[in-house]
Protein backbone atom coordinates (compact mmCIF):
# COMPACT_ATOMS: atom_id res chain seq x y z
CA UNK A 1 -18.35 -84.16 -44.97
CA UNK A 2 -20.40 -86.95 -43.43
CA UNK A 3 -24.04 -86.04 -42.80
CA UNK A 4 -23.83 -86.75 -39.05
CA UNK A 5 -20.73 -84.56 -38.66
CA UNK A 6 -22.32 -81.76 -40.69
CA UNK A 7 -25.47 -81.84 -38.54
CA UNK A 8 -23.36 -81.77 -35.38
CA UNK A 9 -21.34 -78.76 -36.55
CA UNK A 10 -24.40 -76.85 -37.73
CA UNK A 11 -26.13 -77.50 -34.41
CA UNK A 12 -23.09 -76.32 -32.45
CA UNK A 13 -22.90 -73.09 -34.42
CA UNK A 14 -26.66 -72.58 -34.04
CA UNK A 15 -26.60 -72.97 -30.26
CA UNK A 16 -23.74 -70.52 -29.77
CA UNK A 17 -25.08 -68.00 -32.29
CA UNK A 18 -28.64 -68.05 -30.92
CA UNK A 19 -27.34 -67.56 -27.40
CA UNK A 20 -25.27 -64.53 -28.42
CA UNK A 21 -28.09 -63.14 -30.52
CA UNK A 22 -30.64 -63.48 -27.71
CA UNK A 23 -28.41 -62.10 -24.99
CA UNK A 24 -26.26 -59.55 -26.79
CA UNK A 25 -26.83 -58.69 -30.41
CA UNK A 26 -30.55 -58.60 -31.16
CA UNK A 27 -31.20 -55.21 -29.57
CA UNK A 28 -27.94 -53.76 -30.87
CA UNK A 29 -28.78 -54.97 -34.37
CA UNK A 30 -32.20 -53.31 -34.14
CA UNK A 31 -30.64 -50.00 -33.11
CA UNK A 32 -27.87 -50.14 -35.70
CA UNK A 33 -30.08 -50.92 -38.70
CA UNK A 34 -33.13 -48.72 -38.87
CA UNK A 35 -36.42 -49.31 -40.64
CA UNK A 36 -37.58 -47.22 -43.55
CA UNK A 37 -39.53 -44.74 -41.40
CA UNK A 38 -42.56 -44.42 -39.17
CA UNK A 39 -45.98 -45.74 -40.13
CA UNK A 40 -49.36 -44.92 -38.58
CA UNK A 41 -50.47 -47.65 -36.18
CA UNK A 42 -53.63 -46.52 -34.33
CA UNK A 43 -55.47 -43.76 -32.51
CA UNK A 44 -55.79 -43.78 -28.73
CA UNK A 45 -57.07 -41.42 -26.07
CA UNK A 46 -54.76 -38.61 -25.07
CA UNK A 47 -52.67 -39.31 -21.96
CA UNK A 48 -50.78 -36.91 -19.74
CA UNK A 49 -47.33 -36.38 -21.24
CA UNK A 50 -48.32 -36.98 -24.89
CA UNK A 51 -46.93 -34.38 -27.29
CA UNK A 52 -49.46 -31.86 -28.61
CA UNK A 53 -48.22 -32.38 -32.16
CA UNK A 54 -49.44 -36.01 -32.08
CA UNK A 55 -53.08 -35.03 -31.51
CA UNK A 56 -55.39 -36.19 -34.31
CA UNK A 57 -57.73 -33.20 -34.55
CA UNK A 58 -60.24 -34.91 -36.83
CA UNK A 59 -60.73 -37.83 -34.45
CA UNK A 60 -60.70 -35.46 -31.47
CA UNK A 61 -63.56 -33.44 -32.99
CA UNK A 62 -65.54 -36.58 -33.77
CA UNK A 63 -65.07 -38.18 -30.35
CA UNK A 64 -65.38 -34.87 -28.44
CA UNK A 65 -62.26 -35.71 -26.42
CA UNK A 66 -58.56 -35.57 -27.37
CA UNK A 67 -57.04 -38.49 -29.30
CA UNK A 68 -53.49 -38.90 -30.53
CA UNK A 69 -51.91 -40.71 -33.46
CA UNK A 70 -49.62 -43.63 -32.56
CA UNK A 71 -46.80 -44.46 -34.96
CA UNK A 72 -44.44 -47.41 -35.10
CA UNK A 73 -41.26 -48.06 -36.99
CA UNK A 74 -41.63 -49.72 -40.38
CA UNK A 75 -39.22 -52.41 -39.30
CA UNK A 76 -39.16 -55.16 -41.87
CA UNK A 77 -35.85 -55.04 -43.71
CA UNK A 78 -33.86 -57.34 -45.95
CA UNK A 79 -30.29 -58.35 -45.10
CA UNK A 80 -27.78 -60.23 -47.22
CA UNK A 81 -24.64 -62.01 -46.10
CA UNK A 82 -21.87 -61.82 -48.70
CA UNK A 83 -19.58 -64.59 -47.47
CA UNK A 84 -16.06 -65.25 -48.76
CA UNK A 85 -15.51 -69.02 -49.10
CA UNK A 86 -12.20 -68.81 -50.96
CA UNK A 87 -9.29 -71.11 -50.14
CA UNK A 88 -7.64 -68.65 -47.73
CA UNK A 89 -10.59 -69.27 -45.39
CA UNK A 90 -8.94 -72.55 -44.40
CA UNK A 91 -6.20 -70.63 -42.58
CA UNK A 92 -6.45 -70.67 -38.80
CA UNK A 93 -3.35 -70.59 -36.58
CA UNK A 94 -5.18 -70.66 -33.22
CA UNK A 95 -7.63 -73.52 -33.69
CA UNK A 96 -10.34 -71.54 -35.49
CA UNK A 97 -10.21 -71.03 -39.24
CA UNK A 98 -11.48 -67.93 -41.00
CA UNK A 99 -14.21 -70.05 -42.60
CA UNK A 100 -15.39 -71.23 -39.18
CA UNK A 101 -15.39 -67.64 -37.93
CA UNK A 102 -17.39 -66.60 -41.02
CA UNK A 103 -19.95 -69.35 -40.34
CA UNK A 104 -20.49 -68.24 -36.74
CA UNK A 105 -20.67 -64.54 -37.65
CA UNK A 106 -23.19 -65.36 -40.37
CA UNK A 107 -25.29 -67.30 -37.88
CA UNK A 108 -25.25 -64.51 -35.27
CA UNK A 109 -26.24 -61.89 -37.84
CA UNK A 110 -28.90 -64.14 -39.37
CA UNK A 111 -30.56 -64.94 -36.02
CA UNK A 112 -30.39 -61.26 -35.00
CA UNK A 113 -32.10 -60.31 -38.25
CA UNK A 114 -34.68 -63.04 -37.74
CA UNK A 115 -35.53 -61.84 -34.23
CA UNK A 116 -36.17 -58.40 -35.73
CA UNK A 117 -38.52 -59.93 -38.33
CA UNK A 118 -36.12 -59.17 -41.19
CA UNK A 119 -35.54 -61.40 -44.19
CA UNK A 120 -32.04 -62.83 -44.57
CA UNK A 121 -30.25 -64.21 -47.62
CA UNK A 122 -26.70 -65.14 -48.57
CA UNK A 123 -24.25 -64.94 -51.44
CA UNK A 124 -21.23 -67.23 -51.14
CA UNK A 125 -18.27 -66.29 -53.32
CA UNK A 126 -14.65 -67.06 -54.13
CA UNK A 127 -13.23 -65.77 -57.42
CA UNK A 128 -16.77 -66.35 -58.71
CA UNK A 129 -20.26 -66.53 -57.22
CA UNK A 130 -20.61 -70.02 -55.73
CA UNK A 131 -24.14 -69.85 -54.25
CA UNK A 132 -26.98 -67.34 -54.13
CA UNK A 133 -29.65 -67.96 -51.49
CA UNK A 134 -32.61 -65.54 -51.84
CA UNK A 135 -33.79 -63.77 -48.68
CA UNK A 136 -36.43 -65.51 -46.58
CA UNK A 137 -37.49 -65.80 -42.96
CA UNK A 138 -37.43 -68.72 -40.57
CA UNK A 139 -35.09 -70.96 -38.59
CA UNK A 140 -34.87 -73.65 -41.27
CA UNK A 141 -33.76 -71.05 -43.81
CA UNK A 142 -31.05 -69.73 -41.45
CA UNK A 143 -29.84 -73.29 -40.82
CA UNK A 144 -29.58 -73.79 -44.58
CA UNK A 145 -27.26 -70.77 -44.82
CA UNK A 146 -25.07 -72.06 -41.97
CA UNK A 147 -24.96 -75.51 -43.54
CA UNK A 148 -23.88 -74.10 -46.91
CA UNK A 149 -21.06 -72.05 -45.38
CA UNK A 150 -19.72 -75.03 -43.44
CA UNK A 151 -20.11 -77.68 -46.14
CA UNK A 152 -19.48 -75.90 -49.44
CA UNK A 153 -16.61 -77.10 -51.62
CA UNK A 154 -16.09 -74.02 -53.79
CA UNK A 155 -15.08 -74.34 -57.41
CA UNK A 156 -12.91 -71.24 -57.22
CA UNK A 157 -9.86 -70.64 -55.03
CA UNK A 158 -9.21 -66.89 -55.15
CA UNK A 159 -11.19 -63.85 -53.97
CA UNK A 160 -13.09 -61.52 -56.30
CA UNK A 161 -14.94 -58.91 -54.25
CA UNK A 162 -15.94 -56.98 -57.38
CA UNK A 163 -17.73 -59.98 -58.92
CA UNK A 164 -19.57 -60.64 -55.65
CA UNK A 165 -20.76 -57.05 -55.23
CA UNK A 166 -21.77 -56.76 -58.90
CA UNK A 167 -23.89 -59.93 -58.65
CA UNK A 168 -25.42 -58.67 -55.41
CA UNK A 169 -26.26 -55.34 -57.07
CA UNK A 170 -27.99 -57.03 -60.00
CA UNK A 171 -29.96 -59.40 -57.75
CA UNK A 172 -31.10 -56.91 -55.09
CA UNK A 173 -32.89 -53.93 -56.62
CA UNK A 174 -34.30 -52.50 -53.38
CA UNK A 175 -32.17 -51.06 -50.60
CA UNK A 176 -30.68 -53.91 -48.56
CA UNK A 177 -28.39 -54.32 -45.56
CA UNK A 178 -25.30 -56.13 -46.86
CA UNK A 179 -22.61 -57.69 -44.67
CA UNK A 180 -19.41 -58.36 -46.62
CA UNK A 181 -17.66 -61.10 -44.59
CA UNK A 182 -14.20 -61.66 -46.06
CA UNK A 183 -10.47 -61.48 -45.41
CA UNK A 184 -10.43 -59.05 -48.38
CA UNK A 185 -7.43 -60.68 -50.04
CA UNK A 186 -8.19 -58.73 -53.19
CA UNK A 187 -7.36 -55.36 -54.71
CA UNK A 188 -8.98 -52.79 -56.94
CA UNK A 189 -12.55 -53.03 -55.65
CA UNK A 190 -12.92 -49.46 -54.41
CA UNK A 191 -15.13 -48.37 -57.32
CA UNK A 192 -17.72 -51.14 -56.84
CA UNK A 193 -17.55 -50.55 -53.09
CA UNK A 194 -18.55 -46.91 -53.60
CA UNK A 195 -21.34 -47.76 -56.05
CA UNK A 196 -22.76 -50.45 -53.77
CA UNK A 197 -22.68 -48.26 -50.64
CA UNK A 198 -24.58 -45.48 -52.43
CA UNK A 199 -27.52 -47.80 -53.06
CA UNK A 200 -27.34 -50.23 -50.13
CA UNK A 201 -26.33 -50.21 -46.46
CA UNK A 202 -22.97 -51.98 -46.77
CA UNK A 203 -20.91 -53.16 -43.79
CA UNK A 204 -17.49 -54.86 -44.15
CA UNK A 205 -16.40 -57.46 -41.60
CA UNK A 206 -12.76 -58.25 -42.35
CA UNK A 207 -11.49 -61.63 -41.11
CA UNK A 208 -7.91 -61.77 -39.90
CA UNK A 209 -5.46 -64.44 -38.75
CA UNK A 210 -2.22 -63.29 -37.14
CA UNK A 211 -0.05 -65.81 -39.03
CA UNK A 212 -0.70 -63.82 -42.22
CA UNK A 213 0.84 -60.63 -40.82
CA UNK A 214 3.91 -61.99 -39.02
CA UNK A 215 7.14 -62.85 -40.81
CA UNK A 216 8.89 -65.24 -38.41
CA UNK A 217 12.51 -66.29 -38.82
CA UNK A 218 12.23 -70.02 -39.56
CA UNK A 219 14.85 -70.60 -42.24
CA UNK A 220 13.86 -71.89 -45.67
CA UNK A 221 10.20 -72.89 -45.93
CA UNK A 222 8.09 -74.43 -48.66
CA UNK A 223 5.20 -72.00 -48.94
CA UNK A 224 1.80 -72.74 -50.49
CA UNK A 225 -0.69 -70.04 -51.45
CA UNK A 226 -4.17 -71.62 -51.20
CA UNK A 227 -5.75 -69.01 -53.47
CA UNK A 228 -3.21 -69.14 -56.34
CA UNK A 229 -2.38 -72.83 -55.61
CA UNK A 230 1.32 -72.10 -56.20
CA UNK A 231 4.27 -73.48 -54.26
CA UNK A 232 7.35 -71.42 -53.55
CA UNK A 233 10.44 -71.59 -51.35
CA UNK A 234 10.79 -68.70 -48.94
CA UNK A 235 13.99 -67.66 -47.19
CA UNK A 236 12.53 -66.44 -43.91
CA UNK A 237 16.01 -66.09 -42.47
CA UNK A 238 16.49 -62.99 -44.61
CA UNK A 239 15.79 -59.83 -42.63
CA UNK A 240 15.28 -58.01 -45.90
CA UNK A 241 12.58 -60.48 -46.98
CA UNK A 242 10.82 -60.27 -43.61
CA UNK A 243 10.75 -56.47 -43.72
CA UNK A 244 9.52 -56.49 -47.32
CA UNK A 245 6.74 -58.96 -46.46
CA UNK A 246 5.54 -57.02 -43.43
CA UNK A 247 5.65 -53.75 -45.41
CA UNK A 248 3.48 -55.33 -48.13
CA UNK A 249 0.96 -56.52 -45.50
CA UNK A 250 0.76 -53.04 -43.93
CA UNK A 251 0.39 -51.44 -47.37
CA UNK A 252 -2.46 -53.76 -48.31
CA UNK A 253 -4.26 -53.10 -45.02
CA UNK A 254 -3.80 -49.36 -45.46
CA UNK A 255 -5.34 -49.65 -48.94
CA UNK A 256 -8.33 -51.57 -47.54
CA UNK A 257 -8.94 -49.00 -44.81
CA UNK A 258 -8.68 -46.22 -47.38
CA UNK A 259 -11.25 -47.95 -49.60
CA UNK A 260 -13.66 -48.17 -46.67
CA UNK A 261 -13.22 -44.59 -45.51
CA UNK A 262 -13.59 -43.07 -48.98
CA UNK A 263 -16.62 -45.25 -49.71
CA UNK A 264 -18.36 -44.48 -46.42
CA UNK A 265 -18.50 -48.17 -45.50
CA UNK A 266 -18.51 -49.20 -41.82
CA UNK A 267 -15.61 -51.58 -41.28
CA UNK A 268 -14.49 -53.88 -38.46
CA UNK A 269 -11.59 -56.33 -38.19
CA UNK A 270 -12.46 -59.66 -36.55
CA UNK A 271 -9.63 -61.97 -35.54
CA UNK A 272 -9.58 -65.75 -35.32
CA UNK A 273 -7.57 -65.60 -32.07
CA UNK A 274 -9.80 -63.11 -30.22
CA UNK A 275 -13.52 -62.93 -29.32
CA UNK A 276 -15.51 -61.06 -31.95
CA UNK A 277 -18.22 -59.79 -29.59
CA UNK A 278 -16.50 -56.52 -28.64
CA UNK A 279 -15.50 -55.31 -32.14
CA UNK A 280 -18.93 -56.21 -33.49
CA UNK A 281 -20.66 -54.42 -30.62
CA UNK A 282 -18.44 -51.38 -31.16
CA UNK A 283 -19.42 -51.30 -34.82
CA UNK A 284 -23.12 -51.50 -33.91
CA UNK A 285 -22.69 -48.79 -31.28
CA UNK A 286 -21.09 -46.43 -33.82
CA UNK A 287 -24.15 -46.82 -36.00
CA UNK A 288 -26.78 -46.73 -33.26
């Protein structure tokens, strides 16, 4: 991608994401992802309405008037974006691809974390780990993450959620908020999902495009799977084939939802053809 075009796209994503973060998501993010606890901040004179249990009796005795302890949330957290950049991210039947949706979601979450003084990092993956960006603070760091998601040309084509979560687990020893942003076109990752969610605060944001779930009667089509890079001819005129395809899609989605429920992972489906604000807000509200 030409440098000027890349800068333009990054800037466009930044402006939209910062606007949403400032107006909508920053407070919801703060409520949904708690700090590690409460830390002592200061003593101040007792005021009407203060709880008796907050009185600092030692200071009260020394000052000969009641003083209370003031606590504040230990807020600083670390968040990681685990972003699927596999070939299926190029799919987008309504003008927005899953990769573009992933870039904007990543930006919104990153700016929300930044406004709450949290560090943010990213792991970009396909059927291998493509990039690992250690957590830091600051606008320039967030813009680097957005730029990588938009501009990366991944070496791999498929999706390996297990490899991504294993790498994340080795890299991040302390408890971390982890957003898995992927269409989850993978199977057999329930075990690593459970192990990761026991140690970290894992949230799955599943990207969805409606063309992948509908089997439309269009006669014979030359089909190309971007992840396996295989061509095949598909007889969409066959009612039997259409039913079999839609059954397989429903089965896979049922498996995914079962993985999430059994692993205790919060899960939301975000569509390329619909605004993502409501489902993301609903997820935050469930956690708040």
